[in-house]
Amino acid sequence: MIRKEIVLPATRDDVWEALTDEDRLEDWFANDVELDLRPGGGASFRWSNGEERHATVTEVEPARRLAFDWEDEGTVEFTLDDDVDGTRLVVVESSPAWSTALELQASAFALV
């Protein structure tokens, strides 16, 4: 299990949108995203190198919590909380796919 905490200099609503809006996800995580944002909904992430991953949304609490079960194995859970410097994002995952991408996104937020 990997657990990371990142404080982003953005509102919870902005961070939530970056995690759940297909167009925003395509800006920083995958080249093509389909996301049915409800428990039991499907999620597909495709990259330009041909890689494709599928997941099922297991939990949705807008601007607070989002969780996926990956089809191939593993889980990822996002929890958002207010922080004096913006939003504290806690990511718990059994697959490291999100960690590197989130660190890059945190750097991008810091530069804006």
N, C-alpha and C. Protein backbone atom coordinates (compact mmCIF):
# COMPACT_ATOMS: atom_id res chain seq x y z
N MET A 1 0.84 -1.19 0.00
CA MET A 1 0.00 0.00 0.00
C MET A 1 0.89 1.25 0.00
N ILE A 2 0.51 2.20 -0.79
CA ILE A 2 1.22 3.48 -0.86
C ILE A 2 0.26 4.55 -0.36
N ARG A 3 0.74 5.38 0.57
CA ARG A 3 -0.07 6.50 1.08
C ARG A 3 0.72 7.77 0.91
N LYS A 4 0.12 8.73 0.24
CA LYS A 4 0.79 10.02 0.02
C LYS A 4 -0.15 11.14 0.41
N GLU A 5 0.42 12.18 0.98
CA GLU A 5 -0.31 13.41 1.26
C GLU A 5 0.33 14.53 0.47
N ILE A 6 -0.52 15.30 -0.21
CA ILE A 6 -0.05 16.43 -1.01
C ILE A 6 -0.93 17.62 -0.67
N VAL A 7 -0.32 18.76 -0.37
CA VAL A 7 -1.09 19.98 -0.17
C VAL A 7 -0.98 20.79 -1.45
N LEU A 8 -2.13 21.03 -2.07
CA LEU A 8 -2.19 21.77 -3.32
C LEU A 8 -2.71 23.18 -3.06
N PRO A 9 -2.09 24.19 -3.63
CA PRO A 9 -2.54 25.57 -3.44
C PRO A 9 -3.77 25.88 -4.31
N ALA A 10 -4.84 25.15 -4.03
CA ALA A 10 -6.08 25.28 -4.80
C ALA A 10 -7.24 24.92 -3.88
N THR A 11 -8.45 25.34 -4.27
CA THR A 11 -9.62 25.00 -3.47
C THR A 11 -9.96 23.52 -3.63
N ARG A 12 -10.75 23.00 -2.68
CA ARG A 12 -11.20 21.61 -2.79
C ARG A 12 -12.00 21.40 -4.07
N ASP A 13 -12.83 22.37 -4.42
CA ASP A 13 -13.61 22.24 -5.66
C ASP A 13 -12.71 22.13 -6.89
N ASP A 14 -11.63 22.93 -6.93
CA ASP A 14 -10.70 22.86 -8.06
C ASP A 14 -9.97 21.52 -8.12
N VAL A 15 -9.55 21.03 -6.97
CA VAL A 15 -8.85 19.73 -6.93
C VAL A 15 -9.82 18.62 -7.32
N TRP A 16 -11.05 18.69 -6.80
CA TRP A 16 -12.06 17.69 -7.15
C TRP A 16 -12.28 17.66 -8.67
N GLU A 17 -12.39 18.84 -9.25
CA GLU A 17 -12.59 18.92 -10.71
C GLU A 17 -11.41 18.31 -11.46
N ALA A 18 -10.19 18.55 -10.98
CA ALA A 18 -9.00 17.99 -11.63
C ALA A 18 -9.00 16.45 -11.54
N LEU A 19 -9.62 15.90 -10.50
CA LEU A 19 -9.68 14.45 -10.32
C LEU A 19 -10.86 13.79 -11.03
N THR A 20 -11.90 14.57 -11.35
CA THR A 20 -13.13 13.95 -11.83
C THR A 20 -13.62 14.42 -13.19
N ASP A 21 -13.16 15.56 -13.67
CA ASP A 21 -13.59 16.05 -14.97
C ASP A 21 -12.73 15.39 -16.05
N GLU A 22 -13.38 14.76 -17.01
CA GLU A 22 -12.64 14.03 -18.05
C GLU A 22 -11.62 14.91 -18.76
N ASP A 23 -12.03 16.13 -19.13
CA ASP A 23 -11.10 17.02 -19.84
C ASP A 23 -9.91 17.40 -18.97
N ARG A 24 -10.15 17.65 -17.69
CA ARG A 24 -9.04 18.00 -16.79
C ARG A 24 -8.11 16.81 -16.59
N LEU A 25 -8.68 15.60 -16.46
CA LEU A 25 -7.84 14.40 -16.32
C LEU A 25 -6.97 14.20 -17.56
N GLU A 26 -7.52 14.53 -18.72
CA GLU A 26 -6.75 14.42 -19.96
C GLU A 26 -5.61 15.43 -20.02
N ASP A 27 -5.71 16.51 -19.24
CA ASP A 27 -4.63 17.50 -19.18
C ASP A 27 -3.41 16.98 -18.44
N TRP A 28 -3.62 16.07 -17.46
CA TRP A 28 -2.48 15.72 -16.61
C TRP A 28 -2.29 14.23 -16.34
N PHE A 29 -3.31 13.39 -16.60
CA PHE A 29 -3.13 11.98 -16.23
C PHE A 29 -3.07 11.05 -17.44
N ALA A 30 -4.08 11.05 -18.26
CA ALA A 30 -4.13 10.15 -19.41
C ALA A 30 -4.55 10.96 -20.64
N ASN A 31 -4.28 10.42 -21.82
CA ASN A 31 -4.63 11.13 -23.05
C ASN A 31 -6.11 11.08 -23.38
N ASP A 32 -6.78 10.01 -22.97
CA ASP A 32 -8.20 9.86 -23.24
C ASP A 32 -8.85 9.26 -21.99
N VAL A 33 -9.89 9.91 -21.49
CA VAL A 33 -10.52 9.49 -20.24
C VAL A 33 -12.03 9.40 -20.44
N GLU A 34 -12.61 8.33 -19.94
CA GLU A 34 -14.06 8.18 -19.82
C GLU A 34 -14.33 7.86 -18.36
N LEU A 35 -15.24 8.62 -17.73
CA LEU A 35 -15.49 8.44 -16.30
C LEU A 35 -16.97 8.60 -16.01
N ASP A 36 -17.58 7.55 -15.48
CA ASP A 36 -18.97 7.57 -15.04
C ASP A 36 -18.91 7.74 -13.52
N LEU A 37 -19.10 8.96 -13.08
CA LEU A 37 -18.84 9.34 -11.69
C LEU A 37 -20.00 8.99 -10.76
N ARG A 38 -20.20 7.70 -10.57
CA ARG A 38 -21.19 7.20 -9.61
C ARG A 38 -20.73 5.81 -9.18
N PRO A 39 -21.08 5.39 -7.97
CA PRO A 39 -20.69 4.05 -7.54
C PRO A 39 -21.18 3.01 -8.54
N GLY A 40 -20.27 2.15 -8.95
CA GLY A 40 -20.56 1.14 -9.97
C GLY A 40 -20.28 1.62 -11.38
N GLY A 41 -20.00 2.91 -11.54
CA GLY A 41 -19.69 3.47 -12.86
C GLY A 41 -18.32 3.03 -13.34
N GLY A 42 -18.16 3.04 -14.63
CA GLY A 42 -16.90 2.63 -15.22
C GLY A 42 -15.95 3.79 -15.44
N ALA A 43 -14.67 3.48 -15.51
CA ALA A 43 -13.64 4.46 -15.81
C ALA A 43 -12.63 3.81 -16.75
N SER A 44 -12.27 4.55 -17.80
CA SER A 44 -11.26 4.07 -18.74
C SER A 44 -10.22 5.16 -18.93
N PHE A 45 -8.97 4.76 -18.90
CA PHE A 45 -7.85 5.68 -19.07
C PHE A 45 -6.95 5.11 -20.16
N ARG A 46 -6.67 5.93 -21.19
CA ARG A 46 -5.84 5.51 -22.30
C ARG A 46 -4.69 6.50 -22.49
N TRP A 47 -3.51 5.96 -22.77
CA TRP A 47 -2.33 6.80 -22.98
C TRP A 47 -1.86 6.67 -24.42
N SER A 48 -1.07 7.63 -24.86
CA SER A 48 -0.60 7.67 -26.25
C SER A 48 0.31 6.50 -26.59
N ASN A 49 0.88 5.84 -25.58
CA ASN A 49 1.76 4.69 -25.85
C ASN A 49 0.96 3.39 -26.04
N GLY A 50 -0.40 3.49 -26.02
CA GLY A 50 -1.24 2.31 -26.21
C GLY A 50 -1.72 1.67 -24.93
N GLU A 51 -1.15 2.07 -23.81
CA GLU A 51 -1.59 1.51 -22.53
C GLU A 51 -3.03 1.94 -22.26
N GLU A 52 -3.79 1.03 -21.68
CA GLU A 52 -5.17 1.29 -21.34
C GLU A 52 -5.49 0.59 -20.02
N ARG A 53 -6.14 1.31 -19.11
CA ARG A 53 -6.55 0.72 -17.83
C ARG A 53 -8.01 1.03 -17.59
N HIS A 54 -8.68 0.08 -16.95
CA HIS A 54 -10.10 0.22 -16.66
C HIS A 54 -10.32 0.06 -15.16
N ALA A 55 -11.34 0.75 -14.67
CA ALA A 55 -11.64 0.69 -13.24
C ALA A 55 -13.15 0.81 -13.05
N THR A 56 -13.57 0.50 -11.84
CA THR A 56 -14.95 0.71 -11.42
C THR A 56 -14.94 1.69 -10.26
N VAL A 57 -15.77 2.71 -10.35
CA VAL A 57 -15.89 3.68 -9.26
C VAL A 57 -16.60 2.98 -8.09
N THR A 58 -16.01 3.05 -6.90
CA THR A 58 -16.62 2.40 -5.74
C THR A 58 -17.20 3.39 -4.74
N GLU A 59 -16.65 4.59 -4.67
CA GLU A 59 -17.15 5.60 -3.73
C GLU A 59 -17.06 6.98 -4.36
N VAL A 60 -18.10 7.79 -4.14
CA VAL A 60 -18.10 9.17 -4.59
C VAL A 60 -18.77 10.01 -3.51
N GLU A 61 -18.03 10.94 -2.96
CA GLU A 61 -18.57 11.95 -2.05
C GLU A 61 -18.02 13.28 -2.57
N PRO A 62 -18.81 14.00 -3.38
CA PRO A 62 -18.30 15.18 -4.08
C PRO A 62 -17.46 16.12 -3.21
N ALA A 63 -16.30 16.49 -3.78
CA ALA A 63 -15.32 17.39 -3.16
C ALA A 63 -14.76 16.84 -1.85
N ARG A 64 -14.95 15.56 -1.58
CA ARG A 64 -14.45 14.93 -0.34
C ARG A 64 -13.71 13.62 -0.57
N ARG A 65 -14.34 12.69 -1.33
CA ARG A 65 -13.78 11.33 -1.43
C ARG A 65 -14.16 10.69 -2.76
N LEU A 66 -13.17 9.97 -3.33
CA LEU A 66 -13.36 9.23 -4.56
C LEU A 66 -12.51 7.96 -4.47
N ALA A 67 -13.09 6.83 -4.89
CA ALA A 67 -12.34 5.57 -4.86
C ALA A 67 -12.65 4.75 -6.11
N PHE A 68 -11.62 4.02 -6.57
CA PHE A 68 -11.72 3.13 -7.73
C PHE A 68 -11.19 1.75 -7.36
N ASP A 69 -11.73 0.73 -8.02
CA ASP A 69 -11.11 -0.59 -8.07
C ASP A 69 -10.62 -0.78 -9.49
N TRP A 70 -9.32 -1.00 -9.65
CA TRP A 70 -8.77 -1.24 -10.98
C TRP A 70 -9.18 -2.62 -11.45
N GLU A 71 -9.49 -2.76 -12.75
CA GLU A 71 -9.89 -4.02 -13.33
C GLU A 71 -8.77 -5.06 -13.24
N ASP A 72 -7.54 -4.63 -13.51
CA ASP A 72 -6.42 -5.57 -13.51
C ASP A 72 -5.95 -5.93 -12.11
N GLU A 73 -6.15 -5.07 -11.16
CA GLU A 73 -5.90 -5.31 -9.74
C GLU A 73 -5.61 -3.99 -9.06
N GLY A 74 -5.90 -3.94 -7.81
CA GLY A 74 -5.56 -2.77 -7.02
C GLY A 74 -6.70 -1.78 -6.86
N THR A 75 -6.44 -0.84 -5.99
CA THR A 75 -7.41 0.20 -5.66
C THR A 75 -6.69 1.54 -5.55
N VAL A 76 -7.46 2.60 -5.62
CA VAL A 76 -6.95 3.94 -5.33
C VAL A 76 -8.07 4.72 -4.67
N GLU A 77 -7.73 5.42 -3.57
CA GLU A 77 -8.69 6.22 -2.83
C GLU A 77 -8.13 7.63 -2.67
N PHE A 78 -8.98 8.63 -2.93
CA PHE A 78 -8.61 10.03 -2.79
C PHE A 78 -9.48 10.64 -1.69
N THR A 79 -8.87 11.34 -0.77
CA THR A 79 -9.61 12.07 0.26
C THR A 79 -9.12 13.51 0.24
N LEU A 80 -10.06 14.46 0.18
CA LEU A 80 -9.73 15.89 0.12
C LEU A 80 -10.20 16.56 1.41
N ASP A 81 -9.33 17.39 1.98
CA ASP A 81 -9.66 18.17 3.17
C ASP A 81 -9.09 19.57 3.00
N ASP A 82 -9.76 20.53 3.62
CA ASP A 82 -9.25 21.90 3.61
C ASP A 82 -7.94 21.97 4.38
N ASP A 83 -7.06 22.83 3.94
CA ASP A 83 -5.77 23.07 4.59
C ASP A 83 -5.53 24.57 4.52
N VAL A 84 -4.78 25.13 5.46
CA VAL A 84 -4.53 26.57 5.45
C VAL A 84 -3.84 27.01 4.16
N ASP A 85 -3.13 26.09 3.50
CA ASP A 85 -2.43 26.41 2.26
C ASP A 85 -3.19 25.98 1.01
N GLY A 86 -4.43 25.52 1.18
CA GLY A 86 -5.24 25.09 0.03
C GLY A 86 -6.03 23.85 0.34
N THR A 87 -5.66 22.75 -0.31
CA THR A 87 -6.36 21.47 -0.13
C THR A 87 -5.36 20.37 0.14
N ARG A 88 -5.63 19.60 1.19
CA ARG A 88 -4.81 18.43 1.50
C ARG A 88 -5.45 17.24 0.78
N LEU A 89 -4.68 16.62 -0.10
CA LEU A 89 -5.13 15.45 -0.85
C LEU A 89 -4.36 14.25 -0.33
N VAL A 90 -5.10 13.27 0.17
CA VAL A 90 -4.49 12.02 0.63
C VAL A 90 -4.85 10.94 -0.40
N VAL A 91 -3.83 10.27 -0.90
CA VAL A 91 -4.01 9.21 -1.88
C VAL A 91 -3.50 7.91 -1.27
N VAL A 92 -4.37 6.91 -1.24
CA VAL A 92 -3.98 5.58 -0.78
C VAL A 92 -4.22 4.64 -1.94
N GLU A 93 -3.16 3.93 -2.32
CA GLU A 93 -3.28 3.07 -3.50
C GLU A 93 -2.47 1.81 -3.36
N SER A 94 -2.92 0.79 -4.06
CA SER A 94 -2.16 -0.44 -4.10
C SER A 94 -1.41 -0.57 -5.41
N SER A 95 -1.50 0.48 -6.25
CA SER A 95 -0.80 0.54 -7.53
C SER A 95 -0.23 1.95 -7.66
N PRO A 96 1.03 2.11 -8.05
CA PRO A 96 1.66 3.43 -8.04
C PRO A 96 1.33 4.35 -9.21
N ALA A 97 0.35 4.04 -10.02
CA ALA A 97 0.06 4.85 -11.21
C ALA A 97 -0.26 6.30 -10.89
N TRP A 98 -1.02 6.55 -9.83
CA TRP A 98 -1.45 7.91 -9.53
C TRP A 98 -0.38 8.72 -8.83
N SER A 99 0.48 8.10 -8.05
CA SER A 99 1.45 8.85 -7.24
C SER A 99 2.33 9.78 -8.05
N THR A 100 2.96 9.25 -9.08
CA THR A 100 3.85 10.08 -9.89
C THR A 100 3.07 11.18 -10.60
N ALA A 101 1.91 10.83 -11.15
CA ALA A 101 1.09 11.83 -11.84
C ALA A 101 0.64 12.93 -10.89
N LEU A 102 0.26 12.57 -9.66
CA LEU A 102 -0.19 13.58 -8.71
C LEU A 102 0.96 14.49 -8.27
N GLU A 103 2.15 13.94 -8.14
CA GLU A 103 3.29 14.78 -7.80
C GLU A 103 3.56 15.79 -8.91
N LEU A 104 3.44 15.36 -10.15
CA LEU A 104 3.62 16.28 -11.28
C LEU A 104 2.53 17.35 -11.28
N GLN A 105 1.29 16.96 -10.99
CA GLN A 105 0.20 17.92 -10.94
C GLN A 105 0.42 18.92 -9.81
N ALA A 106 0.90 18.45 -8.66
CA ALA A 106 1.17 19.35 -7.54
C ALA A 106 2.20 20.39 -7.94
N SER A 107 3.21 19.97 -8.69
CA SER A 107 4.22 20.92 -9.17
C SER A 107 3.60 21.93 -10.11
N ALA A 108 2.70 21.47 -10.98
CA ALA A 108 2.04 22.38 -11.92
C ALA A 108 1.18 23.39 -11.20
N PHE A 109 0.43 22.96 -10.17
CA PHE A 109 -0.38 23.89 -9.37
C PHE A 109 0.49 24.95 -8.71
N ALA A 110 1.66 24.52 -8.21
CA ALA A 110 2.55 25.43 -7.51
C ALA A 110 3.12 26.50 -8.45
N LEU A 111 3.25 26.18 -9.74
CA LEU A 111 3.82 27.12 -10.68
C LEU A 111 2.81 28.13 -11.22
N VAL A 112 1.52 27.86 -11.03
CA VAL A 112 0.48 28.76 -11.57
C VAL A 112 0.36 30.00 -10.74
